[in-house]
């Protein structure tokens, strides 16, 4: 008879313990090799990291940390972070919420689920925000909504375009109605920014769902998605259980949404910085390509 737990990781110091994923490198282990979840091929971790966290065999886009994502598109030394002091409060005294936030802060290295600031993209000045999947799955609480709203207001005042990397599991349930209110607040800020003829570009990453999809993520002038990103309000399993039908292959993935007209284009990470720079320069006030 096989003993239960025989194949679990060893816990004694002699044999060692398994290494945890490094959140700053978006889930890739610190070991020498990793397996691609799409093509199942084994990759050198160093090679994947050098390739912008994209599988060199099949093009699968691994999760990317918020700092790495901003570094990927901004010119060296130009990113200036803003509103980092804004943090949410446990307004509902939700059980274990504070503990979960502290765990998320240690895992992600961030104080909240979004990082905001100003940078230049190949010389084009822009306000930018990026959401962190390692912080409670990028869920939108009061602090996330406030930071994004303030960034749009700053961009409106200074006539700057906004570039947003959206990645979220939706509204943060631990903050209840306060979290849901951020949908209206951010949407209103986007509208005021648009009314002043300013540009907003959103890049939808895997996954973008729930209240974020239903608010600022889908209100951009130009909506770009990473390959095979899951973009939805309710997830496919929830829909299947509700309508009791099997959904089409690739339903709610970026390629499916592009076909149906919900997004404007799909762009690989290696091509994203140049694409964004061209769009920003094309929409510069009085500027030319």
C-alpha atoms as a PDB file:
ATOM      1  CA  UNK A   1       0.000   0.000   0.000  1.00  0.00           C
ATOM      2  CA  UNK A   2       1.370   3.417  -1.013  1.00  0.00           C
ATOM      3  CA  UNK A   3       1.801   5.715   1.917  1.00  0.00           C
ATOM      4  CA  UNK A   4      -0.214   8.939   1.700  1.00  0.00           C
ATOM      5  CA  UNK A   5       1.956  11.974   0.990  1.00  0.00           C
ATOM      6  CA  UNK A   6       4.853   9.861  -0.329  1.00  0.00           C
ATOM      7  CA  UNK A   7       5.475  12.172  -3.273  1.00  0.00           C
ATOM      8  CA  UNK A   8       5.237  15.465  -1.412  1.00  0.00           C
ATOM      9  CA  UNK A   9       8.203  17.828  -1.334  1.00  0.00           C
ATOM     10  CA  UNK A  10      10.690  16.980   1.443  1.00  0.00           C
ATOM     11  CA  UNK A  11      10.608  19.274   4.430  1.00  0.00           C
ATOM     12  CA  UNK A  12      13.859  18.360   6.183  1.00  0.00           C
ATOM     13  CA  UNK A  13      16.859  20.670   5.905  1.00  0.00           C
ATOM     14  CA  UNK A  14      19.138  17.970   4.483  1.00  0.00           C
ATOM     15  CA  UNK A  15      17.077  17.378   1.365  1.00  0.00           C
ATOM     16  CA  UNK A  16      16.002  21.020   1.130  1.00  0.00           C
ATOM     17  CA  UNK A  17      12.653  22.634   0.439  1.00  0.00           C
ATOM     18  CA  UNK A  18      11.141  23.646  -2.897  1.00  0.00           C
ATOM     19  CA  UNK A  19      11.923  27.130  -4.088  1.00  0.00           C
ATOM     20  CA  UNK A  20       9.022  29.508  -4.264  1.00  0.00           C
ATOM     21  CA  UNK A  21       8.266  31.589  -7.319  1.00  0.00           C
ATOM     22  CA  UNK A  22       9.858  35.009  -7.488  1.00  0.00           C
ATOM     23  CA  UNK A  23       6.971  37.485  -7.782  1.00  0.00           C
ATOM     24  CA  UNK A  24       9.174  40.157  -9.302  1.00  0.00           C
ATOM     25  CA  UNK A  25       9.785  37.791 -12.201  1.00  0.00           C
ATOM     26  CA  UNK A  26       6.108  36.936 -12.488  1.00  0.00           C
ATOM     27  CA  UNK A  27       5.794  33.387 -11.332  1.00  0.00           C
ATOM     28  CA  UNK A  28       8.886  31.887 -12.956  1.00  0.00           C
ATOM     29  CA  UNK A  29      10.846  29.778 -10.475  1.00  0.00           C
ATOM     30  CA  UNK A  30      14.440  30.543  -9.586  1.00  0.00           C
ATOM     31  CA  UNK A  31      15.494  27.100 -10.795  1.00  0.00           C
ATOM     32  CA  UNK A  32      17.472  26.549 -13.996  1.00  0.00           C
ATOM     33  CA  UNK A  33      14.547  25.285 -16.063  1.00  0.00           C
ATOM     34  CA  UNK A  34      10.785  25.767 -16.280  1.00  0.00           C
ATOM     35  CA  UNK A  35       8.005  24.143 -18.278  1.00  0.00           C
ATOM     36  CA  UNK A  36       5.781  26.118 -20.631  1.00  0.00           C
ATOM     37  CA  UNK A  37       2.093  25.564 -19.693  1.00  0.00           C
ATOM     38  CA  UNK A  38       1.049  25.755 -23.371  1.00  0.00           C
ATOM     39  CA  UNK A  39       3.537  23.687 -25.383  1.00  0.00           C
ATOM     40  CA  UNK A  40       4.883  21.738 -22.344  1.00  0.00           C
ATOM     41  CA  UNK A  41       8.465  22.180 -23.535  1.00  0.00           C
ATOM     42  CA  UNK A  42      11.267  22.780 -21.058  1.00  0.00           C
ATOM     43  CA  UNK A  43      12.939  26.187 -21.205  1.00  0.00           C
ATOM     44  CA  UNK A  44      15.940  27.703 -19.509  1.00  0.00           C
ATOM     45  CA  UNK A  45      14.542  30.295 -17.092  1.00  0.00           C
ATOM     46  CA  UNK A  46      17.292  32.730 -18.063  1.00  0.00           C
ATOM     47  CA  UNK A  47      16.329  32.415 -21.733  1.00  0.00           C
ATOM     48  CA  UNK A  48      12.657  33.057 -21.020  1.00  0.00           C
ATOM     49  CA  UNK A  49      13.481  36.115 -18.929  1.00  0.00           C
ATOM     50  CA  UNK A  50      15.714  37.494 -21.662  1.00  0.00           C
ATOM     51  CA  UNK A  51      12.823  36.937 -24.091  1.00  0.00           C
ATOM     52  CA  UNK A  52      10.491  39.257 -22.127  1.00  0.00           C
ATOM     53  CA  UNK A  53       8.944  36.261 -20.346  1.00  0.00           C
ATOM     54  CA  UNK A  54       7.715  34.748 -23.612  1.00  0.00           C
ATOM     55  CA  UNK A  55       8.209  31.074 -24.490  1.00  0.00           C
ATOM     56  CA  UNK A  56      10.688  30.910 -27.415  1.00  0.00           C
ATOM     57  CA  UNK A  57       8.957  27.800 -28.791  1.00  0.00           C
ATOM     58  CA  UNK A  58       5.247  28.628 -28.870  1.00  0.00           C
ATOM     59  CA  UNK A  59       5.051  32.318 -27.905  1.00  0.00           C
ATOM     60  CA  UNK A  60       3.182  31.754 -24.647  1.00  0.00           C
ATOM     61  CA  UNK A  61       3.251  34.951 -22.576  1.00  0.00           C
ATOM     62  CA  UNK A  62       4.140  34.233 -18.957  1.00  0.00           C
ATOM     63  CA  UNK A  63       2.902  36.605 -16.251  1.00  0.00           C
ATOM     64  CA  UNK A  64       5.051  39.690 -15.879  1.00  0.00           C
ATOM     65  CA  UNK A  65       5.616  41.744 -12.738  1.00  0.00           C
ATOM     66  CA  UNK A  66       4.436  45.336 -12.715  1.00  0.00           C
ATOM     67  CA  UNK A  67       7.927  46.884 -12.487  1.00  0.00           C
ATOM     68  CA  UNK A  68       9.253  44.734 -15.320  1.00  0.00           C
ATOM     69  CA  UNK A  69       6.241  45.683 -17.429  1.00  0.00           C
ATOM     70  CA  UNK A  70       6.840  49.398 -16.941  1.00  0.00           C
ATOM     71  CA  UNK A  71      10.577  48.986 -17.601  1.00  0.00           C
ATOM     72  CA  UNK A  72       9.721  47.120 -20.805  1.00  0.00           C
ATOM     73  CA  UNK A  73       8.037  50.122 -22.427  1.00  0.00           C
ATOM     74  CA  UNK A  74       9.609  53.165 -20.725  1.00  0.00           C
ATOM     75  CA  UNK A  75      12.864  54.838 -21.642  1.00  0.00           C
ATOM     76  CA  UNK A  76      15.686  54.260 -19.166  1.00  0.00           C
ATOM     77  CA  UNK A  77      15.402  56.371 -16.037  1.00  0.00           C
ATOM     78  CA  UNK A  78      12.273  58.249 -17.129  1.00  0.00           C
ATOM     79  CA  UNK A  79       9.648  56.583 -14.935  1.00  0.00           C
ATOM     80  CA  UNK A  80       8.542  58.743 -12.018  1.00  0.00           C
ATOM     81  CA  UNK A  81       6.147  56.946  -9.660  1.00  0.00           C
ATOM     82  CA  UNK A  82       3.150  58.818  -8.267  1.00  0.00           C
ATOM     83  CA  UNK A  83       0.516  58.253  -5.549  1.00  0.00           C
ATOM     84  CA  UNK A  84       2.502  55.419  -3.937  1.00  0.00           C
ATOM     85  CA  UNK A  85       1.461  56.645  -0.487  1.00  0.00           C
ATOM     86  CA  UNK A  86      -2.227  55.889  -1.118  1.00  0.00           C
ATOM     87  CA  UNK A  87      -3.330  52.686   0.600  1.00  0.00           C
ATOM     88  CA  UNK A  88      -6.725  51.137   1.200  1.00  0.00           C
ATOM     89  CA  UNK A  89      -8.481  50.633   4.545  1.00  0.00           C
ATOM     90  CA  UNK A  90     -10.404  47.681   5.901  1.00  0.00           C
ATOM     91  CA  UNK A  91     -13.677  49.602   6.014  1.00  0.00           C
ATOM     92  CA  UNK A  92     -15.799  46.463   6.540  1.00  0.00           C
ATOM     93  CA  UNK A  93     -13.519  44.789   9.106  1.00  0.00           C
ATOM     94  CA  UNK A  94     -13.504  41.825   6.747  1.00  0.00           C
ATOM     95  CA  UNK A  95     -12.076  38.645   8.360  1.00  0.00           C
ATOM     96  CA  UNK A  96      -8.357  38.121   7.622  1.00  0.00           C
ATOM     97  CA  UNK A  97      -8.301  40.930   5.048  1.00  0.00           C
ATOM     98  CA  UNK A  98      -5.348  42.686   6.620  1.00  0.00           C
ATOM     99  CA  UNK A  99      -3.417  39.420   6.821  1.00  0.00           C
ATOM    100  CA  UNK A 100      -4.082  38.723   3.146  1.00  0.00           C
ATOM    101  CA  UNK A 101      -2.922  42.202   2.207  1.00  0.00           C
ATOM    102  CA  UNK A 102       0.306  41.763   4.145  1.00  0.00           C
ATOM    103  CA  UNK A 103       0.898  38.430   2.429  1.00  0.00           C
ATOM    104  CA  UNK A 104       0.255  40.044  -0.957  1.00  0.00           C
ATOM    105  CA  UNK A 105       2.670  42.862  -0.164  1.00  0.00           C
ATOM    106  CA  UNK A 106       5.428  40.387   0.647  1.00  0.00           C
ATOM    107  CA  UNK A 107       4.712  38.293  -2.459  1.00  0.00           C
ATOM    108  CA  UNK A 108       4.572  41.222  -4.878  1.00  0.00           C
ATOM    109  CA  UNK A 109       6.882  43.764  -3.274  1.00  0.00           C
ATOM    110  CA  UNK A 110       4.146  46.361  -3.785  1.00  0.00           C
ATOM    111  CA  UNK A 111       1.950  48.201  -1.280  1.00  0.00           C
ATOM    112  CA  UNK A 112      -1.127  47.966  -3.526  1.00  0.00           C
ATOM    113  CA  UNK A 113      -2.378  46.313  -6.696  1.00  0.00           C
ATOM    114  CA  UNK A 114      -1.460  49.090  -9.138  1.00  0.00           C
ATOM    115  CA  UNK A 115       1.586  51.264  -9.819  1.00  0.00           C
ATOM    116  CA  UNK A 116       1.083  54.706 -11.392  1.00  0.00           C
ATOM    117  CA  UNK A 117       3.421  57.343 -12.740  1.00  0.00           C
ATOM    118  CA  UNK A 118       4.757  59.271 -15.706  1.00  0.00           C
ATOM    119  CA  UNK A 119       7.387  58.138 -18.213  1.00  0.00           C
ATOM    120  CA  UNK A 120       8.473  58.557 -21.806  1.00  0.00           C
ATOM    121  CA  UNK A 121       8.087  55.869 -24.463  1.00  0.00           C
ATOM    122  CA  UNK A 122      10.772  56.406 -27.115  1.00  0.00           C
ATOM    123  CA  UNK A 123      10.568  60.096 -26.309  1.00  0.00           C
ATOM    124  CA  UNK A 124       6.778  60.362 -26.068  1.00  0.00           C
ATOM    125  CA  UNK A 125       5.615  61.584 -22.638  1.00  0.00           C
ATOM    126  CA  UNK A 126       2.733  59.619 -21.128  1.00  0.00           C
ATOM    127  CA  UNK A 127       1.035  58.834 -17.852  1.00  0.00           C
ATOM    128  CA  UNK A 128       1.105  55.101 -17.177  1.00  0.00           C
ATOM    129  CA  UNK A 129      -0.431  52.617 -14.780  1.00  0.00           C
ATOM    130  CA  UNK A 130       0.119  48.879 -14.484  1.00  0.00           C
ATOM    131  CA  UNK A 131      -1.738  46.355 -12.345  1.00  0.00           C
ATOM    132  CA  UNK A 132       0.055  43.665 -10.321  1.00  0.00           C
ATOM    133  CA  UNK A 133      -1.293  40.117 -10.526  1.00  0.00           C
ATOM    134  CA  UNK A 134       0.653  38.984  -7.454  1.00  0.00           C
ATOM    135  CA  UNK A 135      -1.243  41.472  -5.280  1.00  0.00           C
ATOM    136  CA  UNK A 136      -4.559  39.710  -4.639  1.00  0.00           C
ATOM    137  CA  UNK A 137      -4.831  38.974  -8.367  1.00  0.00           C
ATOM    138  CA  UNK A 138      -4.773  42.670  -9.221  1.00  0.00           C
ATOM    139  CA  UNK A 139      -8.205  43.108  -7.658  1.00  0.00           C
ATOM    140  CA  UNK A 140      -9.610  46.624  -7.600  1.00  0.00           C
ATOM    141  CA  UNK A 141     -10.093  48.030  -4.127  1.00  0.00           C
ATOM    142  CA  UNK A 142     -10.467  51.628  -3.003  1.00  0.00           C
ATOM    143  CA  UNK A 143      -6.726  52.360  -3.229  1.00  0.00           C
ATOM    144  CA  UNK A 144      -6.443  50.948  -6.750  1.00  0.00           C
ATOM    145  CA  UNK A 145      -9.431  52.980  -7.916  1.00  0.00           C
ATOM    146  CA  UNK A 146      -8.145  56.133  -6.215  1.00  0.00           C
ATOM    147  CA  UNK A 147      -4.659  55.847  -7.702  1.00  0.00           C
ATOM    148  CA  UNK A 148      -5.991  55.316 -11.226  1.00  0.00           C
ATOM    149  CA  UNK A 149      -8.505  58.162 -10.855  1.00  0.00           C
ATOM    150  CA  UNK A 150      -5.813  60.561  -9.641  1.00  0.00           C
ATOM    151  CA  UNK A 151      -3.554  59.560 -12.542  1.00  0.00           C
ATOM    152  CA  UNK A 152      -6.292  60.351 -15.065  1.00  0.00           C
ATOM    153  CA  UNK A 153      -6.967  63.681 -13.358  1.00  0.00           C
ATOM    154  CA  UNK A 154      -3.256  64.528 -13.433  1.00  0.00           C
ATOM    155  CA  UNK A 155      -3.087  63.549 -17.124  1.00  0.00           C
ATOM    156  CA  UNK A 156      -6.165  65.649 -17.901  1.00  0.00           C
ATOM    157  CA  UNK A 157      -4.714  68.683 -16.155  1.00  0.00           C
ATOM    158  CA  UNK A 158      -1.353  68.307 -17.927  1.00  0.00           C
ATOM    159  CA  UNK A 159      -2.815  67.216 -21.277  1.00  0.00           C
ATOM    160  CA  UNK A 160      -1.012  63.872 -21.252  1.00  0.00           C
ATOM    161  CA  UNK A 161      -2.111  60.596 -22.825  1.00  0.00           C
ATOM    162  CA  UNK A 162      -2.681  57.640 -20.497  1.00  0.00           C
ATOM    163  CA  UNK A 163      -1.330  54.150 -21.068  1.00  0.00           C
ATOM    164  CA  UNK A 164      -2.801  51.420 -18.882  1.00  0.00           C
ATOM    165  CA  UNK A 165      -1.772  47.795 -18.400  1.00  0.00           C
ATOM    166  CA  UNK A 166      -4.926  46.097 -17.153  1.00  0.00           C
ATOM    167  CA  UNK A 167      -4.673  42.763 -15.380  1.00  0.00           C
ATOM    168  CA  UNK A 168      -7.210  41.898 -12.716  1.00  0.00           C
ATOM    169  CA  UNK A 169      -9.542  39.368 -11.204  1.00  0.00           C
ATOM    170  CA  UNK A 170     -12.138  42.125 -10.799  1.00  0.00           C
ATOM    171  CA  UNK A 171     -13.499  44.093  -7.854  1.00  0.00           C
ATOM    172  CA  UNK A 172     -12.019  43.263  -4.435  1.00  0.00           C
ATOM    173  CA  UNK A 173     -14.710  41.387  -2.527  1.00  0.00           C
ATOM    174  CA  UNK A 174     -13.209  42.270   0.872  1.00  0.00           C
ATOM    175  CA  UNK A 175     -14.184  45.904   0.332  1.00  0.00           C
ATOM    176  CA  UNK A 176     -17.733  45.220  -0.835  1.00  0.00           C
ATOM    177  CA  UNK A 177     -19.667  48.204  -2.207  1.00  0.00           C
ATOM    178  CA  UNK A 178     -16.661  50.495  -1.744  1.00  0.00           C
ATOM    179  CA  UNK A 179     -14.838  48.393  -4.307  1.00  0.00           C
ATOM    180  CA  UNK A 180     -17.756  48.436  -6.743  1.00  0.00           C
ATOM    181  CA  UNK A 181     -17.905  52.229  -6.472  1.00  0.00           C
ATOM    182  CA  UNK A 182     -14.450  52.390  -8.068  1.00  0.00           C
ATOM    183  CA  UNK A 183     -15.977  51.285 -11.366  1.00  0.00           C
ATOM    184  CA  UNK A 184     -18.046  54.460 -11.617  1.00  0.00           C
ATOM    185  CA  UNK A 185     -15.280  56.668 -10.226  1.00  0.00           C
ATOM    186  CA  UNK A 186     -12.616  55.496 -12.679  1.00  0.00           C
ATOM    187  CA  UNK A 187     -15.065  55.565 -15.603  1.00  0.00           C
ATOM    188  CA  UNK A 188     -15.946  59.184 -14.798  1.00  0.00           C
ATOM    189  CA  UNK A 189     -12.247  60.116 -14.688  1.00  0.00           C
ATOM    190  CA  UNK A 190     -11.708  58.471 -18.091  1.00  0.00           C
ATOM    191  CA  UNK A 191     -14.674  60.443 -19.501  1.00  0.00           C
ATOM    192  CA  UNK A 192     -13.310  63.779 -18.244  1.00  0.00           C
ATOM    193  CA  UNK A 193      -9.917  62.902 -19.723  1.00  0.00           C
ATOM    194  CA  UNK A 194     -11.556  62.052 -23.061  1.00  0.00           C
ATOM    195  CA  UNK A 195     -13.672  65.237 -23.083  1.00  0.00           C
ATOM    196  CA  UNK A 196     -10.419  67.227 -23.147  1.00  0.00           C
ATOM    197  CA  UNK A 197      -9.396  65.339 -26.325  1.00  0.00           C
ATOM    198  CA  UNK A 198      -6.719  63.311 -24.592  1.00  0.00           C
ATOM    199  CA  UNK A 199      -5.669  59.821 -25.680  1.00  0.00           C
ATOM    200  CA  UNK A 200      -6.127  56.682 -23.597  1.00  0.00           C
ATOM    201  CA  UNK A 201      -4.603  53.331 -24.599  1.00  0.00           C
ATOM    202  CA  UNK A 202      -5.303  50.167 -22.622  1.00  0.00           C
ATOM    203  CA  UNK A 203      -3.293  46.971 -22.905  1.00  0.00           C
ATOM    204  CA  UNK A 204      -5.317  43.995 -21.707  1.00  0.00           C
ATOM    205  CA  UNK A 205      -3.191  41.250 -20.154  1.00  0.00           C
ATOM    206  CA  UNK A 206      -4.074  37.741 -18.994  1.00  0.00           C
ATOM    207  CA  UNK A 207      -6.495  37.797 -17.253  1.00  0.00           C
ATOM    208  CA  UNK A 208      -8.568  40.983 -17.353  1.00  0.00           C
ATOM    209  CA  UNK A 209     -11.957  40.312 -15.846  1.00  0.00           C
ATOM    210  CA  UNK A 210     -14.839  41.423 -13.646  1.00  0.00           C
ATOM    211  CA  UNK A 211     -15.360  45.051 -12.664  1.00  0.00           C
ATOM    212  CA  UNK A 212     -12.107  46.189 -14.279  1.00  0.00           C
ATOM    213  CA  UNK A 213     -13.248  44.886 -17.678  1.00  0.00           C
ATOM    214  CA  UNK A 214     -16.631  46.510 -17.078  1.00  0.00           C
ATOM    215  CA  UNK A 215     -15.088  49.923 -16.367  1.00  0.00           C
ATOM    216  CA  UNK A 216     -11.826  51.655 -17.284  1.00  0.00           C
ATOM    217  CA  UNK A 217     -10.187  48.720 -19.112  1.00  0.00           C
ATOM    218  CA  UNK A 218     -12.798  48.794 -21.886  1.00  0.00           C
ATOM    219  CA  UNK A 219     -13.173  52.578 -22.181  1.00  0.00           C
ATOM    220  CA  UNK A 220      -9.917  53.301 -24.001  1.00  0.00           C
ATOM    221  CA  UNK A 221      -9.658  54.949 -27.410  1.00  0.00           C
ATOM    222  CA  UNK A 222      -7.386  52.112 -28.507  1.00  0.00           C
ATOM    223  CA  UNK A 223      -7.596  48.666 -26.901  1.00  0.00           C
ATOM    224  CA  UNK A 224      -4.637  46.330 -27.367  1.00  0.00           C
ATOM    225  CA  UNK A 225      -4.389  42.790 -25.989  1.00  0.00           C
ATOM    226  CA  UNK A 226      -1.543  40.378 -25.394  1.00  0.00           C
ATOM    227  CA  UNK A 227      -1.813  37.071 -27.293  1.00  0.00           C
ATOM    228  CA  UNK A 228      -4.290  34.560 -25.831  1.00  0.00           C
ATOM    229  CA  UNK A 229      -5.200  36.865 -22.925  1.00  0.00           C
ATOM    230  CA  UNK A 230      -8.426  35.992 -21.122  1.00  0.00           C
ATOM    231  CA  UNK A 231     -10.707  39.041 -21.292  1.00  0.00           C
ATOM    232  CA  UNK A 232     -14.141  38.740 -19.727  1.00  0.00           C
ATOM    233  CA  UNK A 233     -16.636  39.885 -17.125  1.00  0.00           C
ATOM    234  CA  UNK A 234     -17.717  36.481 -15.835  1.00  0.00           C
ATOM    235  CA  UNK A 235     -15.315  33.618 -16.520  1.00  0.00           C
ATOM    236  CA  UNK A 236     -16.100  30.806 -18.968  1.00  0.00           C
ATOM    237  CA  UNK A 237     -16.754  28.247 -16.214  1.00  0.00           C
ATOM    238  CA  UNK A 238     -19.312  30.532 -14.567  1.00  0.00           C
ATOM    239  CA  UNK A 239     -21.078  31.064 -17.892  1.00  0.00           C
ATOM    240  CA  UNK A 240     -21.112  27.351 -18.720  1.00  0.00           C
ATOM    241  CA  UNK A 241     -22.582  26.509 -15.332  1.00  0.00           C
ATOM    242  CA  UNK A 242     -25.228  29.217 -15.770  1.00  0.00           C
ATOM    243  CA  UNK A 243     -26.401  28.464 -19.320  1.00  0.00           C
ATOM    244  CA  UNK A 244     -25.547  24.732 -19.103  1.00  0.00           C
ATOM    245  CA  UNK A 245     -23.888  24.777 -22.501  1.00  0.00           C
ATOM    246  CA  UNK A 246     -20.347  24.199 -23.699  1.00  0.00           C
ATOM    247  CA  UNK A 247     -18.713  27.392 -24.920  1.00  0.00           C
ATOM    248  CA  UNK A 248     -16.755  27.630 -28.201  1.00  0.00           C
ATOM    249  CA  UNK A 249     -13.043  26.869 -28.198  1.00  0.00           C
ATOM    250  CA  UNK A 250     -11.052  29.946 -27.212  1.00  0.00           C
ATOM    251  CA  UNK A 251     -14.138  31.794 -26.014  1.00  0.00           C
ATOM    252  CA  UNK A 252     -13.193  35.098 -24.322  1.00  0.00           C
ATOM    253  CA  UNK A 253      -9.584  34.862 -25.431  1.00  0.00           C
ATOM    254  CA  UNK A 254      -7.992  37.851 -27.180  1.00  0.00           C
ATOM    255  CA  UNK A 255      -8.146  36.281 -30.639  1.00  0.00           C
ATOM    256  CA  UNK A 256     -11.875  35.535 -30.261  1.00  0.00           C
ATOM    257  CA  UNK A 257     -12.580  39.086 -29.069  1.00  0.00           C
ATOM    258  CA  UNK A 258     -10.570  40.587 -31.926  1.00  0.00           C
ATOM    259  CA  UNK A 259     -12.696  38.622 -34.377  1.00  0.00           C
ATOM    260  CA  UNK A 260     -15.872  39.944 -32.723  1.00  0.00           C
ATOM    261  CA  UNK A 261     -14.651  43.560 -32.656  1.00  0.00           C
ATOM    262  CA  UNK A 262     -14.240  44.003 -28.895  1.00  0.00           C
ATOM    263  CA  UNK A 263     -10.540  44.916 -29.153  1.00  0.00           C
ATOM    264  CA  UNK A 264      -8.545  46.746 -31.813  1.00  0.00           C
ATOM    265  CA  UNK A 265      -5.440  44.604 -32.141  1.00  0.00           C
ATOM    266  CA  UNK A 266      -3.223  41.962 -30.571  1.00  0.00           C
ATOM    267  CA  UNK A 267       0.447  42.739 -30.047  1.00  0.00           C
ATOM    268  CA  UNK A 268       3.384  40.641 -28.893  1.00  0.00           C
ATOM    269  CA  UNK A 269       5.535  42.034 -26.091  1.00  0.00           C
ATOM    270  CA  UNK A 270       8.608  42.359 -28.270  1.00  0.00           C
ATOM    271  CA  UNK A 271       6.728  44.707 -30.614  1.00  0.00           C
ATOM    272  CA  UNK A 272       4.726  46.625 -28.007  1.00  0.00           C
ATOM    273  CA  UNK A 273       7.093  49.499 -27.170  1.00  0.00           C
ATOM    274  CA  UNK A 274       7.546  50.561 -30.793  1.00  0.00           C
ATOM    275  CA  UNK A 275       3.815  50.258 -31.477  1.00  0.00           C
ATOM    276  CA  UNK A 276       2.930  52.372 -28.436  1.00  0.00           C
ATOM    277  CA  UNK A 277       5.536  54.992 -29.330  1.00  0.00           C
ATOM    278  CA  UNK A 278       4.137  55.320 -32.855  1.00  0.00           C
ATOM    279  CA  UNK A 279       0.572  55.674 -31.567  1.00  0.00           C
ATOM    280  CA  UNK A 280       1.606  58.249 -28.967  1.00  0.00           C
ATOM    281  CA  UNK A 281       3.611  60.302 -31.439  1.00  0.00           C
ATOM    282  CA  UNK A 282       0.805  60.153 -33.985  1.00  0.00           C
ATOM    283  CA  UNK A 283      -1.573  61.638 -31.387  1.00  0.00           C
ATOM    284  CA  UNK A 284       0.816  64.250 -30.010  1.00  0.00           C
ATOM    285  CA  UNK A 285      -0.733  67.689 -29.836  1.00  0.00           C
ATOM    286  CA  UNK A 286       0.699  69.440 -32.854  1.00  0.00           C
ATOM    287  CA  UNK A 287       3.206  66.637 -33.299  1.00  0.00           C
ATOM    288  CA  UNK A 288       4.037  64.575 -36.358  1.00  0.00           C
ATOM    289  CA  UNK A 289       5.396  61.099 -36.903  1.00  0.00           C
END
